[in-house]
């Protein structure tokens, strides 16, 4: 099973930017579609973005379209989430996840079997 570790979270002011990284080990990431999810206090974990195995197909939640970009570097076994124009409502713990349905990006949460431990993103002035 692939092991995932997120990094890059932190405190940022509204309108600012962050890039989250997800490092994989144990398996090559090219065998997986990858997703990003987030969970705010008292709320359900929600889908943010996903990318197929090649990076050629992406899907985004409506709330982040035009502001977040999900991309990957299979040679480095890394997946990224570039976030710009951050809003207070983006505050959450962000998780990366891996799915064996590698040719798709529009996947439900249940299709992601491997998860990282999460990284906190706080958007506040």
N, C-alpha and C. Protein backbone atom coordinates (compact mmCIF):
# COMPACT_ATOMS: atom_id res chain seq x y z
N UNK A 1 0.85 -1.19 0.00
CA UNK A 1 0.00 0.00 0.00
C UNK A 1 0.89 1.24 0.00
N UNK A 2 0.46 2.24 -0.73
CA UNK A 2 1.25 3.46 -0.81
C UNK A 2 1.09 4.26 0.49
N UNK A 3 2.18 4.85 0.94
CA UNK A 3 2.17 5.71 2.13
C UNK A 3 2.29 7.16 1.68
N UNK A 4 1.49 8.02 2.31
CA UNK A 4 1.40 9.41 1.88
C UNK A 4 1.69 10.35 3.04
N UNK A 5 2.45 11.40 2.78
CA UNK A 5 2.77 12.41 3.79
C UNK A 5 2.58 13.79 3.19
N UNK A 6 1.67 14.58 3.79
CA UNK A 6 1.42 15.93 3.33
C UNK A 6 2.34 16.93 4.04
N UNK A 7 2.60 18.04 3.37
CA UNK A 7 3.35 19.14 3.97
C UNK A 7 2.96 20.43 3.28
N UNK A 8 3.39 21.55 3.86
CA UNK A 8 3.17 22.85 3.22
C UNK A 8 2.06 23.67 3.82
N UNK A 9 1.33 23.13 4.78
CA UNK A 9 0.28 23.90 5.41
C UNK A 9 0.84 25.01 6.28
N UNK A 10 -0.05 25.87 6.75
CA UNK A 10 0.38 26.96 7.61
C UNK A 10 -0.68 28.01 7.74
N UNK A 11 -0.28 29.15 8.30
CA UNK A 11 -1.17 30.30 8.48
C UNK A 11 -0.91 31.30 7.35
N UNK A 12 -1.98 31.73 6.70
CA UNK A 12 -1.85 32.67 5.60
C UNK A 12 -3.00 33.67 5.68
N UNK A 13 -2.76 34.89 5.23
CA UNK A 13 -3.80 35.90 5.25
C UNK A 13 -4.77 35.70 4.09
N UNK A 14 -5.99 36.16 4.23
CA UNK A 14 -6.94 36.10 3.10
C UNK A 14 -6.35 36.74 1.86
N UNK A 15 -6.55 36.07 0.73
CA UNK A 15 -5.96 36.52 -0.52
C UNK A 15 -4.59 35.96 -0.80
N UNK A 16 -4.02 35.28 0.18
CA UNK A 16 -2.68 34.73 0.03
C UNK A 16 -2.67 33.39 -0.69
N UNK A 17 -1.46 32.81 -0.76
CA UNK A 17 -1.26 31.55 -1.49
C UNK A 17 -0.49 30.56 -0.64
N UNK A 18 -0.72 29.30 -0.93
CA UNK A 18 0.05 28.20 -0.34
C UNK A 18 0.15 27.08 -1.36
N UNK A 19 1.22 26.32 -1.27
CA UNK A 19 1.33 25.11 -2.08
C UNK A 19 1.49 23.92 -1.14
N UNK A 20 0.56 23.01 -1.19
CA UNK A 20 0.65 21.78 -0.43
C UNK A 20 1.35 20.71 -1.26
N UNK A 21 2.12 19.88 -0.58
CA UNK A 21 2.81 18.78 -1.23
C UNK A 21 2.39 17.47 -0.59
N UNK A 22 2.40 16.42 -1.38
CA UNK A 22 2.10 15.08 -0.89
C UNK A 22 3.18 14.15 -1.43
N UNK A 23 3.97 13.61 -0.52
CA UNK A 23 5.06 12.70 -0.89
C UNK A 23 4.61 11.27 -0.69
N UNK A 24 4.87 10.45 -1.70
CA UNK A 24 4.47 9.05 -1.63
C UNK A 24 5.68 8.15 -1.49
N UNK A 25 5.49 7.03 -0.79
CA UNK A 25 6.54 6.02 -0.67
C UNK A 25 5.89 4.65 -0.64
N UNK A 26 6.68 3.65 -0.93
CA UNK A 26 6.17 2.29 -0.90
C UNK A 26 5.69 1.79 -2.25
N UNK A 27 5.13 2.66 -3.05
CA UNK A 27 4.65 2.31 -4.39
C UNK A 27 4.88 3.52 -5.30
N UNK A 28 4.96 3.25 -6.59
CA UNK A 28 5.08 4.35 -7.53
C UNK A 28 3.72 5.02 -7.73
N UNK A 29 3.71 6.33 -7.69
CA UNK A 29 2.45 7.07 -7.78
C UNK A 29 1.79 6.97 -9.14
N UNK A 30 2.52 6.56 -10.15
CA UNK A 30 1.93 6.49 -11.49
C UNK A 30 0.86 5.40 -11.58
N UNK A 31 0.74 4.57 -10.56
CA UNK A 31 -0.29 3.55 -10.53
C UNK A 31 -1.57 3.99 -9.84
N UNK A 32 -1.68 5.31 -9.55
CA UNK A 32 -2.80 5.81 -8.78
C UNK A 32 -3.33 7.12 -9.34
N UNK A 33 -4.64 7.30 -9.24
CA UNK A 33 -5.20 8.64 -9.28
C UNK A 33 -5.03 9.22 -7.88
N UNK A 34 -4.86 10.54 -7.81
CA UNK A 34 -4.62 11.19 -6.52
C UNK A 34 -5.66 12.26 -6.26
N UNK A 35 -6.03 12.39 -5.00
CA UNK A 35 -7.02 13.39 -4.64
C UNK A 35 -6.61 14.19 -3.43
N UNK A 36 -7.22 15.36 -3.30
CA UNK A 36 -7.08 16.19 -2.11
C UNK A 36 -8.47 16.38 -1.51
N UNK A 37 -8.54 16.23 -0.21
CA UNK A 37 -9.76 16.44 0.56
C UNK A 37 -9.45 17.38 1.71
N UNK A 38 -10.49 17.93 2.32
CA UNK A 38 -10.28 18.78 3.48
C UNK A 38 -11.40 18.59 4.48
N UNK A 39 -11.06 18.86 5.74
CA UNK A 39 -12.05 18.73 6.80
C UNK A 39 -11.90 19.90 7.77
N UNK A 40 -12.94 20.68 7.86
CA UNK A 40 -12.98 21.80 8.80
C UNK A 40 -13.59 21.31 10.12
N UNK A 41 -13.32 22.00 11.24
CA UNK A 41 -13.87 21.57 12.52
C UNK A 41 -15.39 21.46 12.48
N UNK A 42 -15.91 20.33 12.94
CA UNK A 42 -17.35 20.13 13.00
C UNK A 42 -18.01 19.83 11.68
N UNK A 43 -17.20 19.64 10.62
CA UNK A 43 -17.77 19.37 9.31
C UNK A 43 -17.27 18.04 8.76
N UNK A 44 -17.99 17.55 7.76
CA UNK A 44 -17.59 16.32 7.08
C UNK A 44 -16.36 16.58 6.21
N UNK A 45 -15.57 15.52 6.00
CA UNK A 45 -14.46 15.64 5.06
C UNK A 45 -15.03 15.78 3.66
N UNK A 46 -14.52 16.77 2.92
CA UNK A 46 -15.07 17.05 1.60
C UNK A 46 -13.99 16.99 0.52
N UNK A 47 -14.45 16.68 -0.68
CA UNK A 47 -13.57 16.60 -1.84
C UNK A 47 -13.12 18.01 -2.23
N UNK A 48 -11.84 18.12 -2.62
CA UNK A 48 -11.30 19.39 -3.09
C UNK A 48 -10.89 19.28 -4.55
N UNK A 49 -10.04 18.29 -4.87
CA UNK A 49 -9.51 18.17 -6.22
C UNK A 49 -8.95 16.77 -6.41
N UNK A 50 -8.85 16.37 -7.68
CA UNK A 50 -8.23 15.08 -7.98
C UNK A 50 -7.60 15.14 -9.37
N UNK A 51 -6.64 14.24 -9.58
CA UNK A 51 -5.93 14.18 -10.85
C UNK A 51 -5.71 12.72 -11.22
N UNK A 52 -5.83 12.39 -12.52
CA UNK A 52 -5.63 11.01 -12.92
C UNK A 52 -4.13 10.68 -12.92
N UNK A 53 -3.79 9.47 -13.29
CA UNK A 53 -2.41 9.00 -13.15
C UNK A 53 -1.42 9.83 -13.97
N UNK A 54 -1.87 10.35 -15.11
CA UNK A 54 -0.96 11.06 -16.01
C UNK A 54 -0.88 12.55 -15.73
N UNK A 55 -1.84 13.08 -14.97
CA UNK A 55 -1.92 14.52 -14.80
C UNK A 55 -2.74 15.20 -15.86
N UNK A 56 -3.25 14.45 -16.81
CA UNK A 56 -3.97 15.04 -17.91
C UNK A 56 -5.44 15.31 -17.64
N UNK A 57 -5.97 14.75 -16.60
CA UNK A 57 -7.39 14.92 -16.26
C UNK A 57 -7.50 15.34 -14.81
N UNK A 58 -8.21 16.43 -14.58
CA UNK A 58 -8.40 16.93 -13.23
C UNK A 58 -9.88 17.23 -12.97
N UNK A 59 -10.25 17.18 -11.71
CA UNK A 59 -11.60 17.52 -11.27
C UNK A 59 -11.47 18.38 -10.03
N UNK A 60 -12.34 19.40 -9.92
CA UNK A 60 -12.29 20.31 -8.79
C UNK A 60 -13.68 20.50 -8.19
N UNK A 61 -13.72 20.73 -6.89
CA UNK A 61 -14.95 21.15 -6.25
C UNK A 61 -15.29 22.56 -6.74
N UNK A 62 -16.57 22.86 -6.84
CA UNK A 62 -16.99 24.17 -7.33
C UNK A 62 -16.41 25.29 -6.47
N UNK A 63 -16.25 25.05 -5.19
CA UNK A 63 -15.80 26.09 -4.27
C UNK A 63 -14.35 26.50 -4.48
N UNK A 64 -13.57 25.69 -5.20
CA UNK A 64 -12.16 26.01 -5.40
C UNK A 64 -11.79 26.20 -6.86
N UNK A 65 -12.72 26.00 -7.77
CA UNK A 65 -12.42 26.15 -9.19
C UNK A 65 -11.90 27.56 -9.48
N UNK A 66 -10.83 27.60 -10.26
CA UNK A 66 -10.23 28.88 -10.61
C UNK A 66 -9.24 29.39 -9.59
N UNK A 67 -9.19 28.77 -8.41
CA UNK A 67 -8.27 29.21 -7.36
C UNK A 67 -7.24 28.13 -7.01
N UNK A 68 -7.62 26.88 -7.11
CA UNK A 68 -6.73 25.77 -6.76
C UNK A 68 -6.34 25.01 -8.02
N UNK A 69 -5.11 24.51 -8.02
CA UNK A 69 -4.62 23.69 -9.12
C UNK A 69 -3.95 22.44 -8.55
N UNK A 70 -4.39 21.30 -9.01
CA UNK A 70 -3.85 20.02 -8.57
C UNK A 70 -2.97 19.47 -9.70
N UNK A 71 -1.72 19.12 -9.39
CA UNK A 71 -0.83 18.58 -10.40
C UNK A 71 0.13 17.60 -9.75
N UNK A 72 0.83 16.87 -10.58
CA UNK A 72 1.68 15.81 -10.04
C UNK A 72 2.99 15.71 -10.81
N UNK A 73 3.98 15.11 -10.16
CA UNK A 73 5.26 14.81 -10.78
C UNK A 73 5.56 13.35 -10.46
N UNK A 74 5.23 12.47 -11.38
CA UNK A 74 5.38 11.04 -11.10
C UNK A 74 6.85 10.65 -10.95
N UNK A 75 7.73 11.35 -11.62
CA UNK A 75 9.16 11.04 -11.50
C UNK A 75 9.66 11.26 -10.08
N UNK A 76 9.03 12.22 -9.38
CA UNK A 76 9.41 12.52 -8.00
C UNK A 76 8.47 11.87 -6.99
N UNK A 77 7.46 11.17 -7.49
CA UNK A 77 6.46 10.56 -6.61
C UNK A 77 5.78 11.60 -5.72
N UNK A 78 5.41 12.73 -6.34
CA UNK A 78 4.83 13.85 -5.61
C UNK A 78 3.54 14.32 -6.27
N UNK A 79 2.64 14.81 -5.43
CA UNK A 79 1.42 15.46 -5.88
C UNK A 79 1.32 16.79 -5.15
N UNK A 80 0.77 17.79 -5.83
CA UNK A 80 0.73 19.13 -5.27
C UNK A 80 -0.68 19.73 -5.36
N UNK A 81 -0.94 20.66 -4.47
CA UNK A 81 -2.15 21.46 -4.55
C UNK A 81 -1.73 22.92 -4.39
N UNK A 82 -1.75 23.64 -5.49
CA UNK A 82 -1.45 25.07 -5.48
C UNK A 82 -2.73 25.83 -5.18
N UNK A 83 -2.70 26.64 -4.14
CA UNK A 83 -3.89 27.36 -3.70
C UNK A 83 -3.60 28.86 -3.72
N UNK A 84 -4.44 29.60 -4.43
CA UNK A 84 -4.31 31.05 -4.48
C UNK A 84 -5.63 31.68 -4.09
N UNK A 85 -5.59 32.99 -3.85
CA UNK A 85 -6.78 33.75 -3.43
C UNK A 85 -7.49 33.00 -2.31
N UNK A 86 -6.75 32.65 -1.29
CA UNK A 86 -7.31 31.86 -0.20
C UNK A 86 -8.31 32.69 0.59
N UNK A 87 -9.33 31.98 1.08
CA UNK A 87 -10.42 32.60 1.83
C UNK A 87 -10.49 31.97 3.23
N UNK A 88 -11.06 32.65 4.19
CA UNK A 88 -11.19 32.06 5.53
C UNK A 88 -11.92 30.72 5.50
N UNK A 89 -12.86 30.56 4.59
CA UNK A 89 -13.60 29.30 4.52
C UNK A 89 -12.77 28.14 3.95
N UNK A 90 -11.56 28.42 3.50
CA UNK A 90 -10.65 27.36 3.08
C UNK A 90 -9.90 26.74 4.27
N UNK A 91 -10.08 27.31 5.44
CA UNK A 91 -9.42 26.80 6.64
C UNK A 91 -9.89 25.38 6.93
N UNK A 92 -8.93 24.47 7.03
CA UNK A 92 -9.25 23.05 7.25
C UNK A 92 -7.95 22.26 7.34
N UNK A 93 -8.08 21.01 7.73
CA UNK A 93 -6.99 20.06 7.57
C UNK A 93 -7.13 19.46 6.18
N UNK A 94 -6.04 19.50 5.43
CA UNK A 94 -6.04 19.00 4.06
C UNK A 94 -5.34 17.65 4.00
N UNK A 95 -5.99 16.72 3.30
CA UNK A 95 -5.48 15.36 3.19
C UNK A 95 -5.27 15.00 1.72
N UNK A 96 -4.20 14.29 1.42
CA UNK A 96 -4.09 13.69 0.10
C UNK A 96 -4.45 12.22 0.21
N UNK A 97 -4.89 11.67 -0.91
CA UNK A 97 -5.38 10.30 -0.92
C UNK A 97 -5.11 9.68 -2.29
N UNK A 98 -5.01 8.35 -2.30
CA UNK A 98 -4.69 7.62 -3.53
C UNK A 98 -5.79 6.63 -3.86
N UNK A 99 -6.08 6.55 -5.16
CA UNK A 99 -7.09 5.61 -5.65
C UNK A 99 -6.49 4.76 -6.76
N UNK A 100 -6.83 3.46 -6.77
CA UNK A 100 -6.33 2.58 -7.82
C UNK A 100 -7.07 2.76 -9.14
N UNK A 101 -8.13 3.56 -9.14
CA UNK A 101 -8.83 3.86 -10.39
C UNK A 101 -8.07 4.96 -11.11
N UNK A 102 -6.89 4.58 -11.60
CA UNK A 102 -5.89 5.56 -12.00
C UNK A 102 -6.24 6.38 -13.23
N UNK A 103 -7.20 5.90 -14.05
CA UNK A 103 -7.50 6.63 -15.29
C UNK A 103 -8.58 7.69 -15.11
N UNK A 104 -9.07 7.85 -13.89
CA UNK A 104 -10.16 8.78 -13.64
C UNK A 104 -9.75 9.85 -12.65
N UNK A 105 -10.48 10.95 -12.65
CA UNK A 105 -10.26 11.98 -11.64
C UNK A 105 -11.56 12.35 -10.92
N UNK A 106 -12.70 12.03 -11.53
CA UNK A 106 -13.99 12.31 -10.92
C UNK A 106 -14.40 11.09 -10.10
N UNK A 107 -13.87 11.01 -8.89
CA UNK A 107 -14.03 9.81 -8.06
C UNK A 107 -14.65 10.16 -6.72
N UNK A 108 -15.52 9.31 -6.22
CA UNK A 108 -16.06 9.54 -4.87
C UNK A 108 -15.03 9.23 -3.80
N UNK A 109 -15.25 9.75 -2.63
CA UNK A 109 -14.32 9.58 -1.52
C UNK A 109 -14.05 8.10 -1.23
N UNK A 110 -15.06 7.26 -1.38
CA UNK A 110 -14.94 5.84 -1.05
C UNK A 110 -13.94 5.11 -1.95
N UNK A 111 -13.59 5.72 -3.09
CA UNK A 111 -12.65 5.07 -4.01
C UNK A 111 -11.20 5.30 -3.61
N UNK A 112 -10.97 6.13 -2.62
CA UNK A 112 -9.61 6.45 -2.18
C UNK A 112 -9.28 5.59 -0.95
N UNK A 113 -8.36 4.66 -1.11
CA UNK A 113 -8.08 3.69 -0.05
C UNK A 113 -6.90 4.09 0.84
N UNK A 114 -6.01 4.93 0.33
CA UNK A 114 -4.82 5.31 1.10
C UNK A 114 -4.87 6.80 1.38
N UNK A 115 -4.56 7.16 2.64
CA UNK A 115 -4.67 8.55 3.08
C UNK A 115 -3.43 8.97 3.86
N UNK A 116 -3.11 10.25 3.73
CA UNK A 116 -2.07 10.83 4.55
C UNK A 116 -2.63 11.26 5.89
N UNK A 117 -1.76 11.85 6.72
CA UNK A 117 -2.17 12.25 8.06
C UNK A 117 -2.75 13.66 8.11
N UNK A 118 -2.59 14.41 7.03
CA UNK A 118 -3.18 15.74 6.94
C UNK A 118 -2.22 16.85 7.30
N UNK A 119 -2.49 18.04 6.76
CA UNK A 119 -1.73 19.24 7.09
C UNK A 119 -2.71 20.40 7.28
N UNK A 120 -2.50 21.19 8.31
CA UNK A 120 -3.44 22.25 8.66
C UNK A 120 -3.20 23.49 7.80
N UNK A 121 -4.28 24.02 7.25
CA UNK A 121 -4.26 25.29 6.54
C UNK A 121 -5.21 26.23 7.27
N UNK A 122 -4.68 27.38 7.68
CA UNK A 122 -5.49 28.37 8.38
C UNK A 122 -5.40 29.69 7.62
N UNK A 123 -6.56 30.20 7.22
CA UNK A 123 -6.62 31.47 6.49
C UNK A 123 -7.27 32.49 7.40
N UNK A 124 -6.48 33.42 7.86
CA UNK A 124 -6.96 34.40 8.84
C UNK A 124 -6.08 35.63 8.83
N UNK A 125 -6.71 36.77 9.11
CA UNK A 125 -5.95 38.02 9.22
C UNK A 125 -5.57 38.27 10.68
